N, C-alpha and C. Protein backbone atom coordinates (compact mmCIF):
# COMPACT_ATOMS: atom_id res chain seq x y z
N UNK A 1 -1.71 -78.29 39.46
CA UNK A 1 -0.74 -79.18 38.86
C UNK A 1 -0.62 -80.43 39.73
N UNK A 2 -0.45 -81.59 39.09
CA UNK A 2 -0.24 -82.85 39.81
C UNK A 2 1.25 -83.01 40.06
N UNK A 3 1.64 -83.03 41.33
CA UNK A 3 3.06 -83.07 41.68
C UNK A 3 3.39 -84.34 42.45
N UNK A 4 4.36 -85.08 41.96
CA UNK A 4 4.86 -86.24 42.67
C UNK A 4 6.05 -85.78 43.51
N UNK A 5 5.94 -85.94 44.83
CA UNK A 5 7.04 -85.63 45.74
C UNK A 5 7.69 -86.96 46.12
N UNK A 6 8.96 -87.13 45.74
CA UNK A 6 9.72 -88.32 46.11
C UNK A 6 10.59 -87.96 47.30
N UNK A 7 10.31 -88.60 48.44
CA UNK A 7 11.02 -88.29 49.67
C UNK A 7 11.82 -89.51 50.13
N UNK A 8 13.08 -89.28 50.52
CA UNK A 8 13.95 -90.39 50.91
C UNK A 8 14.77 -90.05 52.16
N UNK A 9 14.21 -90.31 53.32
CA UNK A 9 14.96 -90.21 54.58
C UNK A 9 14.27 -91.10 55.60
N UNK A 10 15.04 -91.89 56.36
CA UNK A 10 14.42 -92.86 57.27
C UNK A 10 14.01 -92.32 58.64
N UNK A 11 14.41 -91.10 58.98
CA UNK A 11 14.18 -90.62 60.35
C UNK A 11 13.13 -89.51 60.35
N UNK A 12 12.02 -89.75 61.02
CA UNK A 12 10.89 -88.82 61.02
C UNK A 12 11.15 -87.54 61.83
N UNK A 13 12.20 -87.51 62.61
CA UNK A 13 12.51 -86.30 63.38
C UNK A 13 13.68 -85.50 62.79
N UNK A 14 14.13 -85.88 61.62
CA UNK A 14 15.28 -85.22 61.00
C UNK A 14 14.90 -83.86 60.40
N UNK A 15 15.90 -83.06 60.11
CA UNK A 15 15.68 -81.80 59.40
C UNK A 15 15.05 -82.08 58.04
N UNK A 16 15.52 -83.14 57.37
CA UNK A 16 14.95 -83.51 56.07
C UNK A 16 13.46 -83.85 56.20
N UNK A 17 13.06 -84.49 57.27
CA UNK A 17 11.64 -84.79 57.48
C UNK A 17 10.85 -83.49 57.63
N UNK A 18 11.41 -82.51 58.34
CA UNK A 18 10.75 -81.21 58.47
C UNK A 18 10.63 -80.52 57.12
N UNK A 19 11.68 -80.59 56.32
CA UNK A 19 11.62 -80.03 54.96
C UNK A 19 10.53 -80.71 54.14
N UNK A 20 10.50 -82.02 54.21
CA UNK A 20 9.51 -82.80 53.45
C UNK A 20 8.08 -82.38 53.83
N UNK A 21 7.81 -82.32 55.12
CA UNK A 21 6.46 -81.92 55.57
C UNK A 21 6.11 -80.53 55.05
N UNK A 22 7.06 -79.61 55.15
CA UNK A 22 6.82 -78.24 54.70
C UNK A 22 6.60 -78.19 53.19
N UNK A 23 7.36 -78.96 52.43
CA UNK A 23 7.20 -79.00 50.97
C UNK A 23 5.78 -79.44 50.62
N UNK A 24 5.33 -80.53 51.21
CA UNK A 24 3.99 -81.06 50.92
C UNK A 24 2.92 -80.04 51.33
N UNK A 25 3.07 -79.44 52.52
CA UNK A 25 2.09 -78.45 53.00
C UNK A 25 2.05 -77.23 52.08
N UNK A 26 3.21 -76.69 51.72
CA UNK A 26 3.25 -75.49 50.88
C UNK A 26 2.63 -75.76 49.50
N UNK A 27 2.98 -76.87 48.90
CA UNK A 27 2.44 -77.20 47.58
C UNK A 27 0.93 -77.40 47.65
N UNK A 28 0.46 -78.04 48.70
CA UNK A 28 -0.99 -78.26 48.87
C UNK A 28 -1.72 -76.95 49.11
N UNK A 29 -1.13 -76.08 49.93
CA UNK A 29 -1.77 -74.81 50.27
C UNK A 29 -1.98 -73.91 49.04
N UNK A 30 -1.07 -73.99 48.07
CA UNK A 30 -1.23 -73.15 46.89
C UNK A 30 -2.07 -73.83 45.80
N UNK A 31 -2.64 -74.99 46.12
CA UNK A 31 -3.62 -75.61 45.24
C UNK A 31 -3.15 -76.76 44.37
N UNK A 32 -1.93 -77.23 44.56
CA UNK A 32 -1.47 -78.37 43.76
C UNK A 32 -2.02 -79.68 44.33
N UNK A 33 -2.20 -80.66 43.46
CA UNK A 33 -2.56 -82.02 43.88
C UNK A 33 -1.25 -82.76 44.11
N UNK A 34 -0.97 -83.09 45.37
CA UNK A 34 0.33 -83.67 45.73
C UNK A 34 0.20 -85.17 45.96
N UNK A 35 1.02 -85.92 45.26
CA UNK A 35 1.17 -87.36 45.50
C UNK A 35 2.46 -87.50 46.30
N UNK A 36 2.32 -87.70 47.60
CA UNK A 36 3.47 -87.74 48.51
C UNK A 36 3.99 -89.17 48.61
N UNK A 37 5.12 -89.41 47.96
CA UNK A 37 5.71 -90.75 47.93
C UNK A 37 6.90 -90.79 48.88
N UNK A 38 6.65 -91.22 50.12
CA UNK A 38 7.68 -91.39 51.13
C UNK A 38 8.22 -92.81 50.96
N UNK A 39 9.37 -92.93 50.31
CA UNK A 39 9.90 -94.24 49.94
C UNK A 39 10.12 -95.15 51.14
N UNK A 40 10.56 -94.59 52.26
CA UNK A 40 10.76 -95.43 53.45
C UNK A 40 9.42 -95.85 54.04
N UNK A 41 8.48 -94.94 54.17
CA UNK A 41 7.17 -95.27 54.73
C UNK A 41 6.44 -96.29 53.86
N UNK A 42 6.66 -96.22 52.55
CA UNK A 42 6.02 -97.16 51.64
C UNK A 42 6.82 -98.46 51.50
N UNK A 43 7.93 -98.54 52.22
CA UNK A 43 8.79 -99.73 52.20
C UNK A 43 9.20 -100.12 50.78
N UNK A 44 9.57 -99.11 49.99
CA UNK A 44 10.02 -99.35 48.64
C UNK A 44 11.30 -100.18 48.66
N UNK A 45 11.34 -101.23 47.86
CA UNK A 45 12.52 -102.08 47.78
C UNK A 45 13.41 -101.55 46.65
N UNK A 46 14.60 -101.03 46.96
CA UNK A 46 15.44 -100.43 45.93
C UNK A 46 16.21 -101.44 45.09
N UNK A 47 16.13 -102.71 45.44
CA UNK A 47 16.96 -103.71 44.75
C UNK A 47 16.35 -104.11 43.41
N UNK A 48 17.12 -103.91 42.36
CA UNK A 48 16.75 -104.39 41.04
C UNK A 48 16.98 -105.89 41.03
N UNK A 49 15.93 -106.67 40.81
CA UNK A 49 16.06 -108.12 40.86
C UNK A 49 16.69 -108.66 39.58
N UNK A 50 17.11 -109.90 39.64
CA UNK A 50 17.68 -110.56 38.47
C UNK A 50 16.66 -110.57 37.34
N UNK A 51 15.43 -110.93 37.66
CA UNK A 51 14.38 -111.00 36.64
C UNK A 51 14.12 -109.62 36.03
N UNK A 52 14.13 -108.58 36.87
CA UNK A 52 13.92 -107.22 36.34
C UNK A 52 15.05 -106.82 35.40
N UNK A 53 16.27 -107.17 35.74
CA UNK A 53 17.40 -106.82 34.88
C UNK A 53 17.34 -107.58 33.56
N UNK A 54 17.00 -108.86 33.65
CA UNK A 54 16.89 -109.66 32.42
C UNK A 54 15.78 -109.14 31.52
N UNK A 55 14.71 -108.61 32.10
CA UNK A 55 13.59 -108.09 31.32
C UNK A 55 13.59 -106.58 31.19
N UNK A 56 14.74 -105.96 31.45
CA UNK A 56 14.84 -104.50 31.50
C UNK A 56 14.30 -103.81 30.25
N UNK A 57 14.56 -104.37 29.08
CA UNK A 57 14.15 -103.74 27.83
C UNK A 57 12.80 -104.24 27.32
N UNK A 58 12.14 -105.12 28.08
CA UNK A 58 10.84 -105.63 27.67
C UNK A 58 9.76 -104.58 27.88
N UNK A 59 8.65 -104.77 27.20
CA UNK A 59 7.49 -103.88 27.34
C UNK A 59 7.01 -103.89 28.80
N UNK A 60 6.72 -102.72 29.34
CA UNK A 60 6.23 -102.60 30.72
C UNK A 60 4.77 -103.03 30.77
N UNK A 61 4.35 -103.53 31.91
CA UNK A 61 2.96 -103.96 32.04
C UNK A 61 2.48 -103.92 33.47
N UNK A 62 1.19 -104.16 33.69
CA UNK A 62 0.61 -104.08 35.03
C UNK A 62 1.14 -105.14 35.99
N UNK A 63 1.79 -106.18 35.47
CA UNK A 63 2.32 -107.21 36.36
C UNK A 63 3.71 -106.87 36.88
N UNK A 64 4.31 -105.79 36.38
CA UNK A 64 5.63 -105.36 36.89
C UNK A 64 5.53 -105.05 38.38
N UNK A 65 6.58 -105.39 39.11
CA UNK A 65 6.60 -105.14 40.55
C UNK A 65 6.47 -103.65 40.88
N UNK A 66 6.92 -102.79 39.98
CA UNK A 66 6.89 -101.34 40.23
C UNK A 66 5.82 -100.62 39.39
N UNK A 67 4.86 -101.36 38.88
CA UNK A 67 3.84 -100.78 37.99
C UNK A 67 3.12 -99.60 38.65
N UNK A 68 2.82 -99.70 39.93
CA UNK A 68 2.15 -98.60 40.64
C UNK A 68 2.99 -97.34 40.66
N UNK A 69 4.29 -97.49 40.85
CA UNK A 69 5.19 -96.33 40.86
C UNK A 69 5.33 -95.74 39.46
N UNK A 70 5.36 -96.60 38.45
CA UNK A 70 5.42 -96.12 37.07
C UNK A 70 4.18 -95.28 36.78
N UNK A 71 3.01 -95.76 37.18
CA UNK A 71 1.76 -95.02 36.96
C UNK A 71 1.79 -93.66 37.64
N UNK A 72 2.29 -93.63 38.87
CA UNK A 72 2.37 -92.37 39.61
C UNK A 72 3.28 -91.37 38.90
N UNK A 73 4.42 -91.86 38.41
CA UNK A 73 5.36 -91.01 37.70
C UNK A 73 4.75 -90.50 36.39
N UNK A 74 4.04 -91.34 35.69
CA UNK A 74 3.45 -90.94 34.42
C UNK A 74 2.23 -90.04 34.59
N UNK A 75 1.58 -90.08 35.74
CA UNK A 75 0.45 -89.18 36.02
C UNK A 75 0.91 -87.79 36.42
N UNK A 76 2.12 -87.69 36.93
CA UNK A 76 2.62 -86.42 37.46
C UNK A 76 2.90 -85.41 36.35
N UNK A 77 2.69 -84.14 36.70
CA UNK A 77 3.04 -83.04 35.81
C UNK A 77 4.30 -82.32 36.28
N UNK A 78 4.68 -82.62 37.51
CA UNK A 78 5.90 -82.05 38.09
C UNK A 78 6.47 -83.06 39.08
N UNK A 79 7.77 -82.91 39.34
CA UNK A 79 8.47 -83.82 40.24
C UNK A 79 9.30 -83.00 41.21
N UNK A 80 9.15 -83.32 42.50
CA UNK A 80 9.96 -82.69 43.54
C UNK A 80 10.68 -83.80 44.30
N UNK A 81 12.00 -83.73 44.33
CA UNK A 81 12.81 -84.69 45.06
C UNK A 81 13.23 -84.07 46.38
N UNK A 82 13.07 -84.81 47.46
CA UNK A 82 13.46 -84.34 48.78
C UNK A 82 14.30 -85.44 49.43
N UNK A 83 15.59 -85.14 49.64
CA UNK A 83 16.52 -86.19 50.07
C UNK A 83 17.78 -85.57 50.66
N UNK A 84 18.51 -86.34 51.47
CA UNK A 84 19.85 -85.91 51.89
C UNK A 84 20.89 -86.48 50.93
N UNK A 85 22.03 -85.85 50.85
CA UNK A 85 23.16 -86.40 50.10
C UNK A 85 24.03 -87.15 51.10
N UNK A 86 24.23 -88.42 50.82
CA UNK A 86 25.06 -89.27 51.66
C UNK A 86 26.19 -89.82 50.82
N UNK A 87 27.42 -89.67 51.30
CA UNK A 87 28.58 -90.18 50.58
C UNK A 87 28.60 -89.67 49.14
N UNK A 88 28.26 -88.41 48.97
CA UNK A 88 28.26 -87.73 47.68
C UNK A 88 27.29 -88.35 46.67
N UNK A 89 26.25 -88.97 47.19
CA UNK A 89 25.26 -89.58 46.31
C UNK A 89 23.88 -89.59 46.93
N UNK A 90 22.96 -90.21 46.20
CA UNK A 90 21.59 -90.35 46.68
C UNK A 90 21.51 -91.44 47.74
N UNK A 91 20.57 -91.36 48.66
CA UNK A 91 20.30 -92.51 49.52
C UNK A 91 19.97 -93.71 48.62
N UNK A 92 20.37 -94.89 49.02
CA UNK A 92 20.19 -96.10 48.20
C UNK A 92 18.74 -96.29 47.77
N UNK A 93 17.80 -95.95 48.63
CA UNK A 93 16.40 -96.15 48.31
C UNK A 93 15.96 -95.27 47.13
N UNK A 94 16.49 -94.05 47.05
CA UNK A 94 16.15 -93.16 45.94
C UNK A 94 16.88 -93.60 44.67
N UNK A 95 18.14 -93.98 44.78
CA UNK A 95 18.88 -94.49 43.63
C UNK A 95 18.17 -95.72 43.08
N UNK A 96 17.69 -96.59 43.98
CA UNK A 96 16.96 -97.78 43.56
C UNK A 96 15.66 -97.43 42.85
N UNK A 97 15.00 -96.34 43.28
CA UNK A 97 13.79 -95.90 42.59
C UNK A 97 14.12 -95.54 41.14
N UNK A 98 15.20 -94.79 40.95
CA UNK A 98 15.61 -94.44 39.59
C UNK A 98 15.92 -95.72 38.78
N UNK A 99 16.64 -96.66 39.38
CA UNK A 99 17.01 -97.89 38.69
C UNK A 99 15.80 -98.73 38.31
N UNK A 100 14.80 -98.79 39.20
CA UNK A 100 13.67 -99.70 38.99
C UNK A 100 12.48 -99.04 38.29
N UNK A 101 12.35 -97.72 38.33
CA UNK A 101 11.16 -97.05 37.80
C UNK A 101 11.45 -96.24 36.54
N UNK A 102 12.61 -95.63 36.46
CA UNK A 102 12.97 -94.84 35.27
C UNK A 102 13.48 -95.82 34.20
N UNK A 103 12.55 -96.51 33.58
CA UNK A 103 12.83 -97.64 32.71
C UNK A 103 12.66 -97.29 31.23
N UNK A 104 13.20 -98.15 30.36
CA UNK A 104 12.87 -98.01 28.94
C UNK A 104 11.35 -98.12 28.78
N UNK A 105 10.79 -97.25 27.98
CA UNK A 105 9.34 -97.24 27.81
C UNK A 105 8.63 -96.40 28.85
N UNK A 106 9.37 -95.95 29.87
CA UNK A 106 8.80 -95.10 30.92
C UNK A 106 9.44 -93.72 30.83
N UNK A 107 10.75 -93.65 31.07
CA UNK A 107 11.42 -92.36 31.04
C UNK A 107 12.20 -92.13 29.75
N UNK A 108 12.39 -93.18 28.98
CA UNK A 108 13.07 -93.05 27.69
C UNK A 108 12.72 -94.25 26.82
N UNK A 109 13.01 -94.11 25.55
CA UNK A 109 12.91 -95.25 24.64
C UNK A 109 14.18 -95.30 23.81
N UNK A 110 14.50 -96.48 23.36
CA UNK A 110 15.67 -96.66 22.51
C UNK A 110 15.21 -96.75 21.06
N UNK A 111 15.75 -95.88 20.22
CA UNK A 111 15.45 -95.88 18.80
C UNK A 111 16.78 -95.99 18.06
N UNK A 112 16.95 -97.10 17.37
CA UNK A 112 18.21 -97.37 16.67
C UNK A 112 19.42 -97.23 17.60
N UNK A 113 19.26 -97.71 18.84
CA UNK A 113 20.34 -97.68 19.81
C UNK A 113 20.56 -96.35 20.49
N UNK A 114 19.72 -95.35 20.17
CA UNK A 114 19.86 -94.03 20.77
C UNK A 114 18.71 -93.77 21.74
N UNK A 115 19.03 -93.08 22.84
CA UNK A 115 18.04 -92.79 23.87
C UNK A 115 17.21 -91.58 23.47
N UNK A 116 15.89 -91.72 23.58
CA UNK A 116 14.97 -90.59 23.38
C UNK A 116 14.13 -90.45 24.64
N UNK A 117 14.23 -89.30 25.32
CA UNK A 117 13.46 -89.07 26.54
C UNK A 117 11.96 -89.12 26.28
N UNK A 118 11.22 -89.62 27.27
CA UNK A 118 9.77 -89.73 27.09
C UNK A 118 8.95 -89.19 28.27
N UNK A 119 9.59 -88.65 29.29
CA UNK A 119 8.84 -88.13 30.44
C UNK A 119 8.40 -86.69 30.21
N UNK A 120 7.82 -86.43 29.08
CA UNK A 120 7.42 -85.06 28.74
C UNK A 120 6.21 -84.59 29.53
N UNK A 121 5.59 -85.49 30.28
CA UNK A 121 4.50 -85.09 31.18
C UNK A 121 5.05 -84.27 32.35
N UNK A 122 6.33 -84.42 32.67
CA UNK A 122 6.95 -83.67 33.77
C UNK A 122 7.38 -82.31 33.22
N UNK A 123 6.66 -81.25 33.66
CA UNK A 123 6.90 -79.89 33.15
C UNK A 123 7.71 -79.02 34.09
N UNK A 124 7.97 -79.53 35.30
CA UNK A 124 8.81 -78.82 36.28
C UNK A 124 9.50 -79.85 37.15
N UNK A 125 10.70 -79.50 37.58
CA UNK A 125 11.49 -80.39 38.43
C UNK A 125 12.21 -79.56 39.48
N UNK A 126 12.15 -80.03 40.71
CA UNK A 126 12.90 -79.39 41.80
C UNK A 126 13.52 -80.46 42.68
N UNK A 127 14.72 -80.18 43.16
CA UNK A 127 15.38 -81.04 44.13
C UNK A 127 15.70 -80.20 45.35
N UNK A 128 15.33 -80.71 46.52
CA UNK A 128 15.62 -80.04 47.79
C UNK A 128 16.45 -81.02 48.60
N UNK A 129 17.66 -80.61 48.96
CA UNK A 129 18.58 -81.56 49.57
C UNK A 129 19.47 -80.92 50.63
N UNK A 130 20.15 -81.77 51.37
CA UNK A 130 21.11 -81.33 52.37
C UNK A 130 22.41 -82.11 52.19
N UNK A 131 23.51 -81.45 52.48
CA UNK A 131 24.84 -82.05 52.43
C UNK A 131 25.48 -81.88 53.80
N UNK A 132 26.16 -82.90 54.28
CA UNK A 132 26.90 -82.76 55.52
C UNK A 132 28.08 -81.82 55.36
N UNK A 133 28.75 -81.89 54.21
CA UNK A 133 29.93 -81.09 53.96
C UNK A 133 29.63 -79.81 53.20
N UNK A 134 30.68 -79.11 52.89
CA UNK A 134 30.56 -77.80 52.23
C UNK A 134 30.31 -77.93 50.73
N UNK A 135 29.89 -76.84 50.12
CA UNK A 135 29.71 -76.80 48.67
C UNK A 135 31.05 -77.04 47.98
N UNK A 136 32.12 -76.49 48.53
CA UNK A 136 33.44 -76.67 47.96
C UNK A 136 33.82 -78.15 47.92
N UNK A 137 33.58 -78.86 49.02
CA UNK A 137 33.91 -80.29 49.07
C UNK A 137 33.05 -81.07 48.06
N UNK A 138 31.78 -80.71 47.95
CA UNK A 138 30.90 -81.37 46.98
C UNK A 138 31.42 -81.13 45.56
N UNK A 139 31.87 -79.89 45.29
CA UNK A 139 32.39 -79.57 43.96
C UNK A 139 33.66 -80.37 43.67
N UNK A 140 34.53 -80.52 44.67
CA UNK A 140 35.75 -81.31 44.48
C UNK A 140 35.43 -82.74 44.08
N UNK A 141 34.32 -83.26 44.59
CA UNK A 141 33.91 -84.63 44.29
C UNK A 141 33.06 -84.71 43.02
N UNK A 142 32.81 -83.57 42.39
CA UNK A 142 32.02 -83.55 41.16
C UNK A 142 30.53 -83.38 41.38
N UNK A 143 30.09 -83.39 42.63
CA UNK A 143 28.68 -83.19 43.00
C UNK A 143 27.72 -84.01 42.13
N UNK A 144 27.85 -85.35 42.18
CA UNK A 144 27.00 -86.20 41.35
C UNK A 144 25.48 -85.96 41.48
N UNK A 145 24.93 -85.77 42.69
CA UNK A 145 23.47 -85.57 42.76
C UNK A 145 23.01 -84.35 41.97
N UNK A 146 23.74 -83.25 42.09
CA UNK A 146 23.39 -82.03 41.35
C UNK A 146 23.46 -82.28 39.84
N UNK A 147 24.52 -82.95 39.39
CA UNK A 147 24.68 -83.21 37.96
C UNK A 147 23.56 -84.11 37.43
N UNK A 148 23.16 -85.10 38.21
CA UNK A 148 22.10 -85.99 37.75
C UNK A 148 20.79 -85.22 37.61
N UNK A 149 20.48 -84.36 38.56
CA UNK A 149 19.25 -83.56 38.46
C UNK A 149 19.34 -82.57 37.31
N UNK A 150 20.42 -81.80 37.27
CA UNK A 150 20.54 -80.69 36.31
C UNK A 150 20.85 -81.15 34.89
N UNK A 151 21.36 -82.36 34.74
CA UNK A 151 21.70 -82.84 33.40
C UNK A 151 20.84 -84.03 32.98
N UNK A 152 20.96 -85.15 33.69
CA UNK A 152 20.27 -86.37 33.28
C UNK A 152 18.76 -86.25 33.42
N UNK A 153 18.28 -85.87 34.60
CA UNK A 153 16.83 -85.75 34.77
C UNK A 153 16.26 -84.65 33.89
N UNK A 154 16.97 -83.53 33.79
CA UNK A 154 16.53 -82.44 32.92
C UNK A 154 16.37 -82.94 31.48
N UNK A 155 17.27 -83.80 31.02
CA UNK A 155 17.21 -84.31 29.66
C UNK A 155 16.08 -85.31 29.46
N UNK A 156 15.55 -85.85 30.55
CA UNK A 156 14.50 -86.87 30.48
C UNK A 156 13.10 -86.28 30.45
N UNK A 157 12.93 -85.09 31.04
CA UNK A 157 11.60 -84.48 31.15
C UNK A 157 11.32 -83.58 29.94
N UNK A 158 10.19 -82.87 29.99
CA UNK A 158 9.80 -82.00 28.88
C UNK A 158 10.93 -81.03 28.54
N UNK A 159 11.30 -80.94 27.27
CA UNK A 159 12.37 -80.01 26.89
C UNK A 159 12.05 -78.57 27.32
N UNK A 160 13.03 -77.92 27.91
CA UNK A 160 12.87 -76.54 28.36
C UNK A 160 12.19 -76.37 29.70
N UNK A 161 11.82 -77.47 30.33
CA UNK A 161 11.15 -77.38 31.64
C UNK A 161 12.09 -76.77 32.67
N UNK A 162 11.56 -75.92 33.56
CA UNK A 162 12.42 -75.34 34.60
C UNK A 162 12.87 -76.39 35.61
N UNK A 163 14.13 -76.29 35.99
CA UNK A 163 14.73 -77.21 36.96
C UNK A 163 15.40 -76.38 38.05
N UNK A 164 15.07 -76.67 39.31
CA UNK A 164 15.74 -75.96 40.41
C UNK A 164 16.37 -76.98 41.35
N UNK A 165 17.48 -76.57 41.94
CA UNK A 165 18.23 -77.42 42.85
C UNK A 165 18.58 -76.57 44.06
N UNK A 166 17.93 -76.85 45.17
CA UNK A 166 18.15 -76.10 46.41
C UNK A 166 18.88 -77.00 47.40
N UNK A 167 20.04 -76.55 47.84
CA UNK A 167 20.85 -77.37 48.74
C UNK A 167 21.28 -76.58 49.97
N UNK A 168 21.17 -77.22 51.11
CA UNK A 168 21.73 -76.68 52.35
C UNK A 168 23.02 -77.44 52.59
N UNK A 169 24.15 -76.75 52.40
CA UNK A 169 25.45 -77.36 52.59
C UNK A 169 25.89 -77.20 54.04
N UNK A 170 26.92 -77.97 54.40
CA UNK A 170 27.55 -77.90 55.73
C UNK A 170 26.56 -78.13 56.86
N UNK A 171 25.69 -79.12 56.69
CA UNK A 171 24.74 -79.45 57.76
C UNK A 171 25.47 -79.80 59.05
N UNK A 172 26.68 -80.35 58.94
CA UNK A 172 27.43 -80.70 60.14
C UNK A 172 27.77 -79.48 60.98
N UNK A 173 27.74 -78.29 60.36
CA UNK A 173 28.03 -77.05 61.07
C UNK A 173 26.83 -76.11 61.11
N UNK A 174 25.66 -76.61 60.74
CA UNK A 174 24.49 -75.73 60.62
C UNK A 174 24.03 -75.23 61.99
N UNK A 175 23.29 -74.14 61.94
CA UNK A 175 22.73 -73.54 63.14
C UNK A 175 21.22 -73.41 62.94
N UNK A 176 20.53 -73.05 63.99
CA UNK A 176 19.09 -72.80 63.86
C UNK A 176 18.84 -71.73 62.79
N UNK A 177 19.69 -70.73 62.74
CA UNK A 177 19.52 -69.64 61.78
C UNK A 177 19.72 -70.11 60.34
N UNK A 178 20.76 -70.91 60.09
CA UNK A 178 21.00 -71.36 58.71
C UNK A 178 19.89 -72.31 58.25
N UNK A 179 19.42 -73.16 59.17
CA UNK A 179 18.34 -74.09 58.81
C UNK A 179 17.04 -73.32 58.57
N UNK A 180 16.77 -72.32 59.39
CA UNK A 180 15.55 -71.53 59.21
C UNK A 180 15.60 -70.76 57.88
N UNK A 181 16.76 -70.20 57.57
CA UNK A 181 16.91 -69.45 56.31
C UNK A 181 16.68 -70.37 55.11
N UNK A 182 17.19 -71.60 55.20
CA UNK A 182 17.00 -72.54 54.10
C UNK A 182 15.52 -72.94 53.98
N UNK A 183 14.87 -73.17 55.09
CA UNK A 183 13.44 -73.52 55.04
C UNK A 183 12.63 -72.38 54.45
N UNK A 184 12.98 -71.15 54.76
CA UNK A 184 12.29 -69.99 54.19
C UNK A 184 12.48 -69.95 52.68
N UNK A 185 13.69 -70.22 52.23
CA UNK A 185 13.98 -70.24 50.79
C UNK A 185 13.19 -71.34 50.09
N UNK A 186 13.14 -72.52 50.69
CA UNK A 186 12.40 -73.64 50.11
C UNK A 186 10.90 -73.33 50.09
N UNK A 187 10.38 -72.76 51.17
CA UNK A 187 8.95 -72.40 51.23
C UNK A 187 8.59 -71.42 50.12
N UNK A 188 9.44 -70.43 49.91
CA UNK A 188 9.18 -69.43 48.86
C UNK A 188 9.20 -70.09 47.48
N UNK A 189 10.12 -71.01 47.27
CA UNK A 189 10.20 -71.73 45.99
C UNK A 189 8.96 -72.58 45.78
N UNK A 190 8.48 -73.25 46.82
CA UNK A 190 7.30 -74.09 46.68
C UNK A 190 6.04 -73.23 46.47
N UNK A 191 6.00 -72.05 47.07
CA UNK A 191 4.87 -71.14 46.85
C UNK A 191 4.76 -70.71 45.40
N UNK A 192 5.90 -70.61 44.72
CA UNK A 192 5.94 -70.17 43.33
C UNK A 192 5.99 -71.33 42.33
N UNK A 193 5.98 -72.54 42.82
CA UNK A 193 6.19 -73.71 41.96
C UNK A 193 5.04 -73.90 41.00
């Protein structure tokens, strides 16, 4: 399977960086073709420009600033997101990827003013993430990242596609044991992906 891994963390020595490396290694070891998109390493610009917003509903083309990313997304058969949750949301660089790449004509089309999902090439979706705070605190805030993956992204990809969301909560209080247990869980999920 062709898998696009979207990774969003700026520090190469972080726990998230270790998770990202393990995700790519596990998926590759079991025979998947992995397109590893490290948004920071690729210096992805998350800012939607004025021109992009004005042309948001226009037909996409090879001259678009994000055409290469659109092609990568459309070639993928599965999507794995690897990111930390900051301030109860996505890192700005990943949010900007959604804003600039998940476009009309790419991830959805408008028909008579109604949205119709079009990313049916994506047959599996997984999100691997970390939270500084507890699951309870995330729930009190509505847990926007989880809802976007489990609801919005799920609605955009192939209907009925499996979606998994693996989160290590309370990173601020984590131990070697809790981090190791989470990495084991993620490795097992990637082995079966």
